[in-house]
Amino acid sequence: MICMVLAAGYATRLYPLTENFPKPLLRVKGKPILDWLLDDVDGAGLVDRFVVVSNHRYIAHFQEWASQKKTVGKIDVLDDGSISNETRLGAVRDIQFAVDALGLDDDLLVIAGDNLLDFSLAGFLAYGQQKDATCVMRYWEPSVEKLRKAGVVQVDGLDRILRMEEKPRTPADHWCVPPFYWYRRGDVPLIRKAIADGCAVDAPGSLVAWLADIVPIYAMEMPGKRYDIGDLDSYREVQQWLQKPTS
């Protein structure tokens, strides 16, 4: 399995911290955000290659990080060529860019490089293996305002997605999808078709919404909490969370 990290955004809401430095490499409790994620995934023992997709502004920072990072699987760092928030390719195009650049032909675990979790992704990987299908996670979000800024799914009694909508004005349910996706190997070639068909490319959840009408996709209920580091307040919040003593 390949783990792909989407890290080509410009994190403008975290300026000045990220004006010349990538958000996934900001430190939380002395450790880059990206390391918290990759150490967990690497420990599950199912990933034999990591791919980090960055942009031209931040590529040197990721190359330096990768030169010192030790994982079981090889780490490839890619430059998608964009130089500003206005010229970014978008998450879905970045996935296709990496698939083409490296000739990837395997199951893909695609994750955002700016989220932290208080649980291990090992359970999600096991879930994907059991379903043998493209999978996402879901959590209950009571806030309609937050749902309007995320991907929202409706599922049946077997966790299969009936419908997914990205950033809906009127959410049809309260199940929210965080940016962690398991794409089954056989579904990866459909990404190119999704882009050609006009799938929105900025939000990675748009690809799931498109695919759900074509192939079975399952949504595992998230077993813990996710911290989305999107602005200075949320960065401070996650620092405080990790400083709390464990019982």
Protein backbone atom coordinates (compact mmCIF):
# COMPACT_ATOMS: atom_id res chain seq x y z
CA MET A 1 0.00 0.00 0.00
CA ILE A 2 1.07 3.57 -0.69
CA CYS A 3 0.39 6.47 1.66
CA MET A 4 0.03 9.80 -0.15
CA VAL A 5 0.17 13.03 1.85
CA LEU A 6 -1.49 16.10 0.33
CA ALA A 7 0.75 18.99 1.37
CA ALA A 8 0.65 21.47 -1.51
CA GLY A 9 -1.59 24.07 0.08
CA TYR A 10 -0.40 27.52 1.15
CA ALA A 11 -2.10 27.78 4.58
CA THR A 12 -2.79 31.51 4.23
CA ARG A 13 -4.88 31.55 7.42
CA LEU A 14 -1.76 30.63 9.40
CA TYR A 15 0.35 33.55 8.18
CA PRO A 16 2.94 34.64 9.22
CA LEU A 17 3.89 31.13 10.46
CA THR A 18 3.40 29.57 7.04
CA GLU A 19 4.31 32.43 4.73
CA ASN A 20 7.64 30.76 3.99
CA PHE A 21 7.20 27.43 5.77
CA PRO A 22 4.80 24.50 5.17
CA LYS A 23 2.00 23.87 7.67
CA PRO A 24 2.55 20.08 7.90
CA LEU A 25 6.06 20.69 9.24
CA LEU A 26 4.98 23.07 12.01
CA ARG A 27 5.85 21.52 15.35
CA VAL A 28 3.39 20.26 17.90
CA LYS A 29 4.97 19.20 21.18
CA GLY A 30 8.40 19.29 19.55
CA LYS A 31 7.42 17.12 16.59
CA PRO A 32 6.26 18.07 13.06
CA ILE A 33 2.54 17.56 12.46
CA LEU A 34 3.43 15.27 9.57
CA ASP A 35 5.54 13.04 11.81
CA TRP A 36 2.58 12.38 14.13
CA LEU A 37 0.65 11.04 11.15
CA LEU A 38 3.40 9.12 9.39
CA ASP A 39 4.75 7.49 12.54
CA ASP A 40 1.29 6.12 13.23
CA VAL A 41 0.73 4.87 9.66
CA ASP A 42 4.24 3.42 9.46
CA GLY A 43 3.68 1.55 12.71
CA ALA A 44 0.69 -0.29 11.25
CA GLY A 45 3.08 -2.20 8.99
CA LEU A 46 0.89 -2.07 5.87
CA VAL A 47 2.50 0.81 3.96
CA ASP A 48 5.68 0.25 1.97
CA ARG A 49 5.91 3.66 0.28
CA PHE A 50 5.13 7.26 1.23
CA VAL A 51 4.53 10.07 -1.25
CA VAL A 52 4.39 13.71 -0.15
CA VAL A 53 2.97 16.13 -2.74
CA SER A 54 4.16 19.68 -2.12
CA ASN A 55 4.47 22.84 -4.21
CA HIS A 56 7.41 24.80 -5.57
CA ARG A 57 7.48 27.28 -2.69
CA TYR A 58 7.84 24.66 0.04
CA ILE A 59 9.53 21.75 -1.74
CA ALA A 60 12.98 22.34 -0.26
CA HIS A 61 11.59 22.14 3.29
CA PHE A 62 10.01 18.75 2.59
CA GLN A 63 13.12 17.45 0.85
CA GLU A 64 15.20 18.34 3.90
CA TRP A 65 12.63 16.73 6.19
CA ALA A 66 12.53 13.55 4.10
CA SER A 67 16.32 13.26 4.06
CA GLN A 68 16.26 12.87 7.85
CA LYS A 69 12.98 10.99 8.31
CA LYS A 70 13.23 7.26 8.89
CA THR A 71 10.30 5.04 7.91
CA VAL A 72 9.96 1.43 6.87
CA GLY A 73 8.74 2.56 3.46
CA LYS A 74 10.54 4.78 0.97
CA ILE A 75 9.58 8.49 0.94
CA ASP A 76 9.13 10.34 -2.35
CA VAL A 77 8.67 14.12 -2.29
CA LEU A 78 7.05 15.70 -5.34
CA ASP A 79 6.86 19.32 -6.51
CA ASP A 80 3.55 19.98 -8.27
CA GLY A 81 5.00 23.16 -9.79
CA SER A 82 2.55 25.67 -8.31
CA ILE A 83 3.96 28.84 -6.76
CA SER A 84 0.98 30.52 -5.08
CA ASN A 85 -2.47 29.93 -3.64
CA GLU A 86 -3.94 31.31 -6.87
CA THR A 87 -2.04 28.86 -9.10
CA ARG A 88 -2.44 25.69 -6.99
CA LEU A 89 -3.52 22.55 -8.81
CA GLY A 90 -6.06 21.46 -6.22
CA ALA A 91 -6.08 18.27 -4.15
CA VAL A 92 -7.66 15.99 -6.77
CA ARG A 93 -5.26 17.08 -9.50
CA ASP A 94 -2.37 16.61 -7.07
CA ILE A 95 -3.41 12.99 -6.53
CA GLN A 96 -3.48 12.38 -10.29
CA PHE A 97 -0.19 14.24 -10.70
CA ALA A 98 1.51 11.89 -8.22
CA VAL A 99 -0.04 8.78 -9.79
CA ASP A 100 1.28 9.84 -13.20
CA ALA A 101 4.69 11.06 -12.01
CA LEU A 102 5.52 7.85 -10.15
CA GLY A 103 3.43 5.35 -12.09
CA LEU A 104 1.57 4.36 -8.91
CA ASP A 105 -0.41 1.14 -9.15
CA ASP A 106 -1.49 0.07 -5.68
CA ASP A 107 -4.03 0.79 -2.96
CA LEU A 108 -3.73 4.44 -1.92
CA LEU A 109 -4.18 5.84 1.56
CA VAL A 110 -4.57 9.58 0.90
CA ILE A 111 -4.32 11.90 3.91
CA ALA A 112 -4.16 15.62 4.54
CA GLY A 113 -0.89 16.60 6.16
CA ASP A 114 -2.43 19.13 8.54
CA ASN A 115 -4.70 17.01 10.78
CA LEU A 116 -3.98 15.24 14.05
CA LEU A 117 -5.92 12.36 15.55
CA ASP A 118 -6.25 11.05 19.09
CA PHE A 119 -6.52 7.47 17.78
CA SER A 120 -4.51 5.26 15.45
CA LEU A 121 -5.30 4.88 11.76
CA ALA A 122 -4.51 1.16 12.07
CA GLY A 123 -8.22 0.45 12.63
CA PHE A 124 -9.14 2.31 9.44
CA LEU A 125 -6.56 0.35 7.46
CA ALA A 126 -7.97 -2.91 8.83
CA TYR A 127 -11.48 -1.74 7.93
CA GLY A 128 -10.42 -1.04 4.35
CA GLN A 129 -8.85 -4.47 4.04
CA GLN A 130 -11.99 -6.11 5.36
CA LYS A 131 -14.31 -4.20 2.99
CA ASP A 132 -11.92 -4.60 0.03
CA ALA A 133 -13.38 -1.36 -1.33
CA THR A 134 -12.68 2.35 -1.34
CA CYS A 135 -13.37 3.69 2.17
CA VAL A 136 -13.54 6.92 4.17
CA MET A 137 -14.18 7.77 7.80
CA ARG A 138 -17.14 9.70 9.20
CA TYR A 139 -17.96 11.47 12.45
CA TRP A 140 -21.10 13.09 13.82
CA GLU A 141 -21.00 16.87 13.49
CA PRO A 142 -23.89 18.72 15.18
CA SER A 143 -22.94 22.14 13.79
CA VAL A 144 -24.66 22.97 10.49
CA GLU A 145 -22.17 25.81 9.99
CA LYS A 146 -19.25 23.35 10.11
CA LEU A 147 -21.06 20.87 7.87
CA ARG A 148 -21.39 23.57 5.22
CA LYS A 149 -17.59 23.69 5.04
CA ALA A 150 -17.03 19.92 4.76
CA GLY A 151 -18.05 16.72 2.99
CA VAL A 152 -21.32 15.26 4.26
CA VAL A 153 -22.44 11.66 3.73
CA GLN A 154 -25.55 9.57 4.11
CA VAL A 155 -24.95 5.86 4.68
CA ASP A 156 -26.98 2.67 4.84
CA GLY A 157 -26.95 0.06 7.61
CA LEU A 158 -23.80 -1.54 6.21
CA ASP A 159 -21.83 1.77 6.13
CA ARG A 160 -22.11 2.09 2.37
CA ILE A 161 -22.32 5.68 1.16
CA LEU A 162 -25.68 6.44 -0.41
CA ARG A 163 -24.82 10.05 -1.16
CA MET A 164 -21.99 12.48 -0.47
CA GLU A 165 -22.00 16.21 -1.01
CA GLU A 166 -19.07 18.56 -0.59
CA LYS A 167 -19.81 21.82 1.26
CA PRO A 168 -23.61 21.57 1.01
CA ARG A 169 -25.72 24.65 1.62
CA THR A 170 -28.38 22.45 3.21
CA PRO A 171 -26.70 19.36 4.71
CA ALA A 172 -28.77 16.19 4.30
CA ASP A 173 -27.21 14.53 7.36
CA HIS A 174 -24.74 15.16 10.18
CA TRP A 175 -22.08 12.64 9.13
CA CYS A 176 -18.95 14.59 8.27
CA VAL A 177 -15.98 13.13 6.33
CA PRO A 178 -12.43 14.05 7.44
CA PRO A 179 -9.56 14.09 4.88
CA PHE A 180 -8.48 10.45 5.18
CA TYR A 181 -9.28 8.23 2.19
CA TRP A 182 -8.49 4.63 1.22
CA TYR A 183 -8.71 4.22 -2.56
CA ARG A 184 -8.80 0.63 -3.71
CA ARG A 185 -6.26 -0.06 -6.42
CA GLY A 186 -8.92 -0.80 -9.03
CA ASP A 187 -10.62 2.55 -8.43
CA VAL A 188 -7.50 4.72 -8.82
CA PRO A 189 -7.71 4.85 -12.67
CA LEU A 190 -11.15 6.46 -12.30
CA ILE A 191 -9.56 9.64 -10.89
CA ARG A 192 -8.56 10.78 -14.36
CA LYS A 193 -12.13 10.29 -15.60
CA ALA A 194 -13.48 12.22 -12.59
CA ILE A 195 -11.31 15.22 -13.47
CA ALA A 196 -12.32 15.03 -17.13
CA ASP A 197 -15.98 14.88 -16.11
CA GLY A 198 -15.66 18.15 -14.19
CA CYS A 199 -15.18 16.89 -10.63
CA ALA A 200 -14.29 19.85 -8.40
CA VAL A 201 -10.55 19.59 -7.80
CA ASP A 202 -9.91 21.81 -4.77
CA ALA A 203 -11.46 19.61 -2.06
CA PRO A 204 -10.37 15.95 -1.97
CA GLY A 205 -13.86 14.96 -0.78
CA SER A 206 -15.24 15.97 -4.19
CA LEU A 207 -13.55 12.91 -5.66
CA VAL A 208 -15.32 10.63 -3.17
CA ALA A 209 -18.63 12.30 -3.98
CA TRP A 210 -18.07 11.61 -7.68
CA LEU A 211 -16.88 8.02 -7.15
CA ALA A 212 -19.76 7.11 -4.83
CA ASP A 213 -22.15 7.18 -7.78
CA ILE A 214 -20.02 4.64 -9.65
CA VAL A 215 -18.41 2.22 -7.18
CA PRO A 216 -19.26 1.04 -3.64
CA ILE A 217 -17.63 3.23 -0.98
CA TYR A 218 -17.88 2.59 2.75
CA ALA A 219 -17.63 5.05 5.64
CA MET A 220 -16.26 3.81 8.96
CA GLU A 221 -17.39 5.65 12.06
CA MET A 222 -14.36 7.46 13.47
CA PRO A 223 -13.32 6.02 16.86
CA GLY A 224 -11.92 9.24 18.29
CA LYS A 225 -11.36 12.93 17.73
CA ARG A 226 -9.69 14.84 14.90
CA TYR A 227 -7.92 18.17 15.17
CA ASP A 228 -7.95 20.21 11.97
CA ILE A 229 -5.14 22.77 12.09
CA GLY A 230 -6.53 25.49 9.86
CA ASP A 231 -5.71 28.76 11.61
CA LEU A 232 -3.74 30.17 14.54
CA ASP A 233 -6.49 29.42 17.07
CA SER A 234 -6.72 25.75 16.07
CA TYR A 235 -2.92 25.47 16.12
CA ARG A 236 -2.90 26.75 19.71
CA GLU A 237 -5.76 24.38 20.59
CA VAL A 238 -3.91 21.30 19.41
CA GLN A 239 -0.81 22.39 21.31
CA GLN A 240 -2.88 22.59 24.49
CA TRP A 241 -4.50 19.20 23.81
CA LEU A 242 -1.14 17.45 23.55
CA GLN A 243 0.17 19.19 26.64
CA LYS A 244 -2.58 17.64 28.78
CA PRO A 245 -1.34 14.85 31.05
CA THR A 246 -2.49 11.35 30.13
CA SER A 247 -4.19 9.20 32.76
